[in-house]
Amino acid sequence: MLLLAAIAALVLSNSPLAQSFDRLWATPMGVRLGPIELVRSLKGWINDALMTLFFFLVALELKRELVLGELRKPRVAALSIAGALGGMLVPAGLYLLLLSGRPGAAGWGTVMATDTAFVSGCLALLGTRIPKRLRVFMLSLAIVDDIGAVLVVAIGYSHAINWQALALAALGLVAIRALAWAGLRSLPLYFAVGAMVWVAVDASGVHATITGVILGLMTPARPWVSADRLYAILRQVVAHPAADRGSGPTRDRQTVLLAEIAARETLSPVERLELGLHPWVAFLIMPLFALANAGLVLSRQHLGGPITWAVFAGFALGKPVGVFTFSWFAVRLGIATRPPDLDWRMLAGGGLLAGIGFTMAMFIANLAFRESELANAKLGIFLASGCAGLAGLALLWRSRKLPARAN
């Protein structure tokens, strides 16, 4: 879906419908309530509001991995974190080295993040040729450097800070923590308070998408009802015959209602929200973002520019070098552990796949570059993502196929 949306944006940008296509995303939308005005273009709402949900989902995935998944083991987590740090610092440093003191140097954040969706698709194509550990490593790495990229956006690409609005946002976060402490479980209530926090952060000058990361990391990862308690309630359901079919609050109806609530609350809020949001983010928000942002008028003047090749070098060269070298040093220094089935050749292939930076790269490029520079940056992103993806797939495809698991 993401790839089709990107192709559609490229085709429409180079068709007779190009001007209408651009005008569509520039359509102003919003609300005005007296002195309060919240108006953006359609593209602005997609990039700022809908992408907050994308970052919220990314933070939920990170929280789940840290509390319930592989990243709860510190030395296993350290390998992904070290790879992610290398995959952010080396590309940014290489980009700045190539463009130091030249126009476009402020776009260093563009080359920092890996595209989780495209990397997941590449790993799926490889099937059983790669071990599960590589999937865990790559997805954890992508999530960590997505979080890092959002922090870069919040710190490096925000406007002058309005401290009063930021204080209101902090009060909203305190209110959310108080609601959780009081045991309230209503998702619409949390959504309403979260929306107010988003408005306050947006008014503060800090990029509003950081709200999604903060709220995602605040979401509880432990279930309200334990598995033992659920089984005890289900045994009561089985023990009570449903002989009375009256409409009143009979004992069996109350027990079934209790079982319904318990079954829902056996999943932690992190897991429930992740399951509910994932289809909307994957099949609506991300393709819509690609459709709004991947448009590029193809011309020779964009090819060969310094920004294009700095972006290309950051992703296609800086990413694999950074991921591999930082992972190697982490293992050699004893900070991280490398699973036996995850050899260095596979980590090198994973480093190449980390050079796919479509969604987050586009997001940061829109903030970092002037309109006259943006097309050059987009072309660099397209070229680097394509080359890195093909090179990573080729290297990993040649790896020995794993033996089938014994029954």
Protein backbone atom coordinates (compact mmCIF):
# COMPACT_ATOMS: atom_id res chain seq x y z
CA MET A 1 0.00 0.00 0.00
CA LEU A 2 2.81 2.40 0.90
CA LEU A 3 4.71 1.64 -2.30
CA LEU A 4 1.59 1.99 -4.48
CA ALA A 5 0.78 5.34 -2.85
CA ALA A 6 4.33 6.61 -3.47
CA ILE A 7 4.19 5.53 -7.14
CA ALA A 8 0.77 7.16 -7.54
CA ALA A 9 2.14 10.44 -6.10
CA LEU A 10 5.07 10.38 -8.55
CA VAL A 11 2.81 9.66 -11.53
CA LEU A 12 0.30 12.38 -10.61
CA SER A 13 3.09 14.92 -10.00
CA ASN A 14 4.32 14.41 -13.56
CA SER A 15 0.89 14.32 -15.24
CA PRO A 16 -1.48 17.02 -16.56
CA LEU A 17 -3.24 16.77 -13.16
CA ALA A 18 -0.15 17.98 -11.30
CA GLN A 19 -1.47 21.45 -10.43
CA SER A 20 -4.83 20.12 -9.21
CA PHE A 21 -2.97 17.47 -7.20
CA ASP A 22 -0.87 20.13 -5.47
CA ARG A 23 -3.88 22.38 -4.83
CA LEU A 24 -5.70 19.48 -3.15
CA TRP A 25 -3.04 19.14 -0.43
CA ALA A 26 -2.90 22.95 0.04
CA THR A 27 -6.64 23.13 0.86
CA PRO A 28 -7.02 24.94 4.24
CA MET A 29 -8.96 23.09 6.92
CA GLY A 30 -9.60 23.74 10.61
CA VAL A 31 -11.70 25.50 13.23
CA ARG A 32 -11.91 29.05 14.56
CA LEU A 33 -13.39 29.74 18.00
CA GLY A 34 -13.11 33.47 18.70
CA PRO A 35 -9.42 34.28 19.22
CA ILE A 36 -8.48 30.59 19.00
CA GLU A 37 -7.59 29.45 15.49
CA LEU A 38 -6.51 25.94 14.52
CA VAL A 39 -6.17 25.94 10.74
CA ARG A 40 -3.79 23.97 8.53
CA SER A 41 -3.59 22.74 4.98
CA LEU A 42 -4.82 19.20 4.33
CA LYS A 43 -1.18 18.14 3.98
CA GLY A 44 -0.39 19.85 7.28
CA TRP A 45 -3.11 17.89 9.11
CA ILE A 46 -1.77 14.64 7.67
CA ASN A 47 1.85 15.43 8.58
CA ASP A 48 1.16 16.82 12.05
CA ALA A 49 -2.04 15.22 13.37
CA LEU A 50 -2.34 11.84 11.63
CA MET A 51 1.39 11.18 11.89
CA THR A 52 1.06 11.69 15.66
CA LEU A 53 -0.92 8.44 15.64
CA PHE A 54 1.90 6.80 13.66
CA PHE A 55 4.44 7.86 16.31
CA PHE A 56 2.04 6.81 19.06
CA LEU A 57 1.97 3.32 17.52
CA VAL A 58 5.78 3.28 17.22
CA ALA A 59 6.06 4.18 20.93
CA LEU A 60 3.55 1.47 21.84
CA GLU A 61 5.64 -1.10 19.96
CA LEU A 62 8.78 0.05 21.76
CA LYS A 63 7.05 -0.07 25.16
CA ARG A 64 5.77 -3.60 24.46
CA GLU A 65 9.24 -4.79 23.43
CA LEU A 66 10.87 -3.17 26.48
CA VAL A 67 8.39 -4.65 28.97
CA LEU A 68 7.08 -7.84 27.35
CA GLY A 69 9.34 -8.62 24.38
CA GLU A 70 12.99 -9.33 23.57
CA LEU A 71 14.19 -5.88 24.64
CA ARG A 72 13.38 -6.61 28.29
CA LYS A 73 16.77 -8.43 28.36
CA PRO A 74 19.33 -5.61 28.72
CA ARG A 75 22.20 -7.13 26.72
CA VAL A 76 19.88 -8.21 23.88
CA ALA A 77 18.34 -4.73 23.83
CA ALA A 78 21.82 -3.20 23.82
CA LEU A 79 22.62 -4.72 20.40
CA SER A 80 19.58 -3.07 18.75
CA ILE A 81 20.14 0.21 20.60
CA ALA A 82 23.84 0.29 19.61
CA GLY A 83 22.93 -0.44 15.97
CA ALA A 84 20.28 2.27 16.03
CA LEU A 85 22.70 4.83 17.50
CA GLY A 86 25.28 4.02 14.83
CA GLY A 87 22.56 4.20 12.20
CA MET A 88 21.71 7.73 13.35
CA LEU A 89 25.09 9.26 14.16
CA VAL A 90 27.20 8.02 11.25
CA PRO A 91 24.75 9.02 8.46
CA ALA A 92 24.17 12.44 10.05
CA GLY A 93 27.92 12.96 10.44
CA LEU A 94 28.61 11.89 6.84
CA TYR A 95 25.86 14.19 5.57
CA LEU A 96 27.28 17.16 7.49
CA LEU A 97 30.79 16.33 6.27
CA LEU A 98 29.61 16.46 2.65
CA LEU A 99 27.50 19.62 3.05
CA SER A 100 29.34 21.53 5.77
CA GLY A 101 28.75 25.27 5.29
CA ARG A 102 26.68 24.72 2.14
CA PRO A 103 22.94 25.16 1.48
CA GLY A 104 20.96 22.20 2.81
CA ALA A 105 23.26 21.39 5.74
CA ALA A 106 20.32 21.82 8.13
CA GLY A 107 18.75 18.69 6.62
CA TRP A 108 21.09 16.31 8.47
CA GLY A 109 18.16 14.79 10.38
CA THR A 110 16.69 13.45 7.13
CA VAL A 111 19.17 10.56 6.94
CA MET A 112 18.72 9.30 10.50
CA ALA A 113 15.62 7.06 10.49
CA THR A 114 14.84 3.66 8.98
CA ASP A 115 11.43 2.99 7.43
CA THR A 116 9.84 0.27 9.57
CA ALA A 117 7.14 -0.64 7.01
CA PHE A 118 9.45 -1.19 4.04
CA VAL A 119 12.00 -3.08 6.16
CA SER A 120 9.20 -5.35 7.43
CA GLY A 121 8.17 -6.01 3.83
CA CYS A 122 11.73 -6.91 2.79
CA LEU A 123 12.10 -9.28 5.76
CA ALA A 124 8.81 -10.94 4.82
CA LEU A 125 10.11 -11.55 1.27
CA LEU A 126 13.11 -13.41 2.69
CA GLY A 127 10.91 -15.93 4.52
CA THR A 128 12.85 -18.70 6.29
CA ARG A 129 16.19 -17.68 4.76
CA ILE A 130 16.76 -15.44 7.77
CA PRO A 131 16.44 -16.27 11.49
CA LYS A 132 13.78 -14.79 13.71
CA ARG A 133 16.52 -12.98 15.64
CA LEU A 134 17.31 -10.83 12.61
CA ARG A 135 13.66 -9.77 12.37
CA VAL A 136 13.64 -8.84 16.07
CA PHE A 137 16.93 -6.94 15.69
CA MET A 138 15.81 -5.01 12.60
CA LEU A 139 12.35 -4.10 13.89
CA SER A 140 13.75 -3.07 17.28
CA LEU A 141 16.43 -0.99 15.56
CA ALA A 142 13.85 0.70 13.32
CA ILE A 143 11.60 1.50 16.27
CA VAL A 144 14.47 2.92 18.35
CA ASP A 145 15.76 5.17 15.58
CA ASP A 146 12.21 6.31 14.76
CA ILE A 147 11.98 7.47 18.38
CA GLY A 148 15.39 9.12 18.04
CA ALA A 149 14.31 10.87 14.86
CA VAL A 150 11.18 12.23 16.56
CA LEU A 151 13.33 13.62 19.39
CA VAL A 152 15.53 15.27 16.75
CA VAL A 153 12.40 16.81 15.22
CA ALA A 154 11.22 18.05 18.62
CA ILE A 155 14.60 19.56 19.53
CA GLY A 156 16.17 20.53 16.20
CA TYR A 157 13.19 21.53 14.05
CA SER A 158 10.86 23.24 16.52
CA HIS A 159 10.09 26.97 16.68
CA ALA A 160 10.49 29.46 19.52
CA ILE A 161 9.11 27.86 22.68
CA ASN A 162 5.90 29.13 24.33
CA TRP A 163 6.51 27.99 27.91
CA GLN A 164 2.94 28.65 29.07
CA ALA A 165 1.54 26.29 26.43
CA LEU A 166 4.21 23.75 27.31
CA ALA A 167 3.20 23.98 30.99
CA LEU A 168 -0.43 23.30 30.01
CA ALA A 169 0.72 20.24 28.07
CA ALA A 170 2.62 19.03 31.14
CA LEU A 171 -0.54 19.46 33.25
CA GLY A 172 -2.42 17.37 30.70
CA LEU A 173 0.16 14.59 31.04
CA VAL A 174 -0.18 14.74 34.82
CA ALA A 175 -3.98 14.46 34.40
CA ILE A 176 -3.53 11.34 32.25
CA ARG A 177 -1.30 9.77 34.90
CA ALA A 178 -3.89 10.65 37.58
CA LEU A 179 -6.68 9.02 35.54
CA ALA A 180 -4.61 5.85 35.24
CA TRP A 181 -3.81 5.92 38.97
CA ALA A 182 -7.55 6.24 39.72
CA GLY A 183 -8.21 3.09 37.69
CA LEU A 184 -10.30 4.71 34.94
CA ARG A 185 -10.30 2.56 31.78
CA SER A 186 -12.29 4.67 29.28
CA LEU A 187 -10.31 5.04 26.04
CA PRO A 188 -12.47 7.98 24.77
CA LEU A 189 -11.62 9.90 27.97
CA TYR A 190 -7.89 9.34 27.48
CA PHE A 191 -8.22 10.26 23.80
CA ALA A 192 -9.94 13.56 24.70
CA VAL A 193 -7.24 14.52 27.23
CA GLY A 194 -4.52 13.40 24.78
CA ALA A 195 -6.03 15.62 22.09
CA MET A 196 -5.88 18.62 24.46
CA VAL A 197 -2.23 17.81 25.18
CA TRP A 198 -1.58 17.71 21.42
CA VAL A 199 -3.14 21.17 20.96
CA ALA A 200 -1.06 22.59 23.82
CA VAL A 201 2.20 21.09 22.49
CA ASP A 202 1.36 22.38 19.01
CA ALA A 203 0.82 25.88 20.40
CA SER A 204 4.09 25.69 22.34
CA GLY A 205 6.28 25.64 19.22
CA VAL A 206 7.53 22.08 19.84
CA HIS A 207 6.57 19.79 16.96
CA ALA A 208 3.25 18.24 17.99
CA THR A 209 4.13 14.69 16.88
CA ILE A 210 6.30 14.30 20.01
CA THR A 211 2.97 14.01 21.86
CA GLY A 212 2.40 10.61 20.26
CA VAL A 213 5.76 9.32 21.52
CA ILE A 214 5.21 10.58 25.08
CA LEU A 215 1.67 9.20 25.34
CA GLY A 216 2.73 5.87 23.84
CA LEU A 217 5.54 5.43 26.37
CA MET A 218 3.13 6.39 29.19
CA THR A 219 0.62 3.68 28.20
CA PRO A 220 0.56 0.80 30.74
CA ALA A 221 2.08 -2.44 29.46
CA ARG A 222 0.72 -4.64 32.25
CA PRO A 223 -2.82 -6.10 32.08
CA TRP A 224 -5.46 -5.13 34.63
CA VAL A 225 -6.69 -8.72 34.99
CA SER A 226 -4.20 -11.59 35.34
CA ALA A 227 -4.56 -14.85 33.40
CA ASP A 228 -5.26 -16.73 36.66
CA ARG A 229 -8.08 -14.34 37.53
CA LEU A 230 -9.56 -14.70 34.04
CA TYR A 231 -9.58 -18.49 34.27
CA ALA A 232 -11.26 -18.31 37.69
CA ILE A 233 -14.02 -16.09 36.23
CA LEU A 234 -14.45 -18.38 33.20
CA ARG A 235 -14.86 -21.36 35.53
CA GLN A 236 -17.74 -19.48 37.15
CA VAL A 237 -19.34 -19.00 33.71
CA VAL A 238 -19.14 -22.73 33.04
CA ALA A 239 -20.43 -23.56 36.54
CA HIS A 240 -23.58 -21.41 36.24
CA PRO A 241 -26.35 -22.95 34.10
CA ALA A 242 -28.05 -20.39 31.87
CA ALA A 243 -31.53 -21.66 32.67
CA ASP A 244 -33.05 -18.29 33.43
CA ARG A 245 -33.42 -16.32 30.18
CA GLY A 246 -35.13 -13.35 31.77
CA SER A 247 -34.16 -9.81 30.86
CA GLY A 248 -33.24 -8.78 34.39
CA PRO A 249 -29.81 -8.78 36.04
CA THR A 250 -29.70 -12.52 36.63
CA ARG A 251 -26.66 -14.16 38.16
CA ASP A 252 -25.53 -15.88 34.94
CA ARG A 253 -25.84 -12.64 32.95
CA GLN A 254 -23.75 -10.76 35.51
CA THR A 255 -21.12 -13.51 35.40
CA VAL A 256 -20.97 -13.44 31.59
CA LEU A 257 -20.65 -9.64 31.64
CA LEU A 258 -17.84 -9.92 34.17
CA ALA A 259 -16.13 -12.51 31.97
CA GLU A 260 -16.41 -10.21 28.94
CA ILE A 261 -14.71 -7.36 30.81
CA ALA A 262 -12.05 -9.68 32.22
CA ALA A 263 -11.26 -11.16 28.79
CA ARG A 264 -10.80 -7.66 27.37
CA GLU A 265 -8.65 -6.48 30.28
CA THR A 266 -6.38 -9.53 30.18
CA LEU A 267 -4.66 -7.78 27.28
CA SER A 268 -2.61 -4.81 28.46
CA PRO A 269 -3.58 -1.33 27.19
CA VAL A 270 -0.40 -1.31 25.07
CA GLU A 271 -1.41 -4.54 23.30
CA ARG A 272 -5.06 -3.54 22.86
CA LEU A 273 -4.21 -0.15 21.39
CA GLU A 274 -1.51 -1.61 19.16
CA LEU A 275 -3.90 -4.21 17.74
CA GLY A 276 -6.61 -1.60 17.21
CA LEU A 277 -4.42 1.08 15.64
CA HIS A 278 -2.13 -1.01 13.45
CA PRO A 279 -4.57 -1.55 10.52
CA TRP A 280 -5.50 2.15 10.45
CA VAL A 281 -1.89 3.31 10.51
CA ALA A 282 -0.62 0.71 8.03
CA PHE A 283 -3.43 0.88 5.48
CA LEU A 284 -4.66 4.48 5.78
CA ILE A 285 -2.32 6.93 7.52
CA MET A 286 1.02 5.85 6.01
CA PRO A 287 -0.27 5.49 2.41
CA LEU A 288 -2.03 8.85 2.76
CA PHE A 289 1.21 10.40 4.02
CA ALA A 290 3.08 8.93 1.03
CA LEU A 291 0.44 10.22 -1.39
CA ALA A 292 0.70 13.73 0.09
CA ASN A 293 4.50 13.89 0.36
CA ALA A 294 6.10 11.65 -2.29
CA GLY A 295 5.21 13.88 -5.22
CA LEU A 296 8.28 14.92 -7.20
CA VAL A 297 8.57 16.59 -10.61
CA LEU A 298 11.27 14.54 -12.34
CA SER A 299 13.83 16.71 -14.11
CA ARG A 300 17.55 16.68 -14.81
CA GLN A 301 18.21 19.68 -12.58
CA HIS A 302 17.54 17.54 -9.48
CA LEU A 303 19.96 14.80 -10.50
CA GLY A 304 23.56 15.27 -9.40
CA GLY A 305 22.91 18.08 -6.89
CA PRO A 306 24.94 18.04 -3.66
CA ILE A 307 21.86 17.55 -1.48
CA THR A 308 20.74 14.53 -3.52
CA TRP A 309 24.11 12.79 -3.20
CA ALA A 310 24.58 13.73 0.46
CA VAL A 311 21.21 12.14 1.27
CA PHE A 312 22.11 9.12 -0.87
CA ALA A 313 25.49 8.71 0.84
CA GLY A 314 23.95 9.08 4.30
CA PHE A 315 21.45 6.28 3.73
CA ALA A 316 23.25 3.92 1.35
CA LEU A 317 26.72 4.19 2.94
CA GLY A 318 26.38 5.79 6.38
CA LYS A 319 23.52 3.58 7.58
CA PRO A 320 25.12 0.15 6.94
CA VAL A 321 28.53 1.32 8.21
CA GLY A 322 27.00 2.85 11.35
CA VAL A 323 24.73 -0.09 12.19
CA PHE A 324 27.47 -2.70 11.63
CA THR A 325 30.36 -0.92 13.37
CA PHE A 326 28.40 0.17 16.45
CA SER A 327 26.93 -3.35 16.80
CA TRP A 328 30.43 -4.86 16.47
CA PHE A 329 31.91 -2.53 19.09
CA ALA A 330 28.99 -3.18 21.47
CA VAL A 331 29.62 -6.93 21.27
CA ARG A 332 33.42 -6.60 21.52
CA LEU A 333 33.13 -4.36 24.59
CA GLY A 334 30.73 -6.80 26.27
CA ILE A 335 27.89 -4.30 26.35
CA ALA A 336 25.68 -6.39 24.07
CA THR A 337 25.31 -10.05 23.20
CA ARG A 338 24.94 -11.46 19.67
CA PRO A 339 22.72 -14.56 19.33
CA PRO A 340 24.56 -17.52 17.72
CA ASP A 341 22.16 -17.70 14.76
CA LEU A 342 22.65 -14.00 13.97
CA ASP A 343 26.03 -13.94 12.22
CA TRP A 344 27.91 -10.84 11.08
CA ARG A 345 26.97 -11.36 7.44
CA MET A 346 23.29 -11.14 8.36
CA LEU A 347 23.93 -8.05 10.45
CA ALA A 348 25.67 -6.51 7.43
CA GLY A 349 22.63 -7.31 5.29
CA GLY A 350 20.37 -5.85 7.97
CA GLY A 351 22.52 -2.70 8.00
CA LEU A 352 21.94 -2.33 4.26
CA LEU A 353 18.17 -2.68 4.72
CA ALA A 354 18.37 0.02 7.40
CA GLY A 355 19.25 2.41 4.56
CA ILE A 356 15.57 2.34 3.49
CA GLY A 357 14.36 5.62 4.95
CA PHE A 358 11.22 6.53 3.10
CA THR A 359 8.49 7.62 5.55
CA MET A 360 10.51 9.25 8.33
CA ALA A 361 12.98 10.74 5.83
CA MET A 362 10.12 12.41 3.93
CA PHE A 363 8.65 13.64 7.20
CA ILE A 364 11.88 15.31 8.36
CA ALA A 365 12.77 16.57 4.87
CA ASN A 366 9.52 18.57 4.78
CA LEU A 367 10.59 20.31 7.99
CA ALA A 368 14.30 20.74 7.26
CA PHE A 369 14.53 21.88 3.63
CA ARG A 370 13.37 24.96 1.81
CA GLU A 371 10.95 24.42 -1.06
CA SER A 372 13.78 24.89 -3.59
CA GLU A 373 15.83 22.12 -1.93
CA LEU A 374 13.08 19.62 -1.15
CA ALA A 375 12.93 17.97 -4.60
CA ASN A 376 16.69 17.22 -4.46
CA ALA A 377 16.30 15.64 -1.03
CA LYS A 378 13.33 13.53 -2.15
CA LEU A 379 15.27 12.20 -5.13
CA GLY A 380 18.14 11.23 -2.83
CA ILE A 381 15.68 9.42 -0.54
CA PHE A 382 14.16 7.49 -3.47
CA LEU A 383 17.52 6.48 -4.93
CA ALA A 384 19.05 5.50 -1.59
CA SER A 385 16.00 3.53 -0.42
CA GLY A 386 15.85 1.58 -3.68
CA CYS A 387 19.59 0.78 -3.77
CA ALA A 388 19.80 -0.07 -0.05
CA GLY A 389 16.75 -2.32 -0.24
CA LEU A 390 17.98 -4.24 -3.29
CA ALA A 391 21.53 -4.61 -1.90
CA GLY A 392 20.26 -5.83 1.48
CA LEU A 393 17.87 -8.32 -0.10
CA ALA A 394 20.62 -9.64 -2.41
CA LEU A 395 23.06 -10.19 0.45
CA LEU A 396 20.52 -11.82 2.77
CA TRP A 397 18.99 -13.93 -0.04
CA ARG A 398 22.36 -15.60 -0.58
CA SER A 399 22.53 -16.59 3.07
CA ARG A 400 22.08 -20.25 3.85
CA LYS A 401 18.43 -21.25 4.17
CA LEU A 402 17.59 -22.28 7.69
CA PRO A 403 16.76 -25.96 8.23
CA ALA A 404 13.11 -26.78 8.79
CA ARG A 405 12.15 -27.04 12.45
CA ALA A 406 11.61 -30.61 13.62
CA ASN A 407 8.04 -31.56 14.44
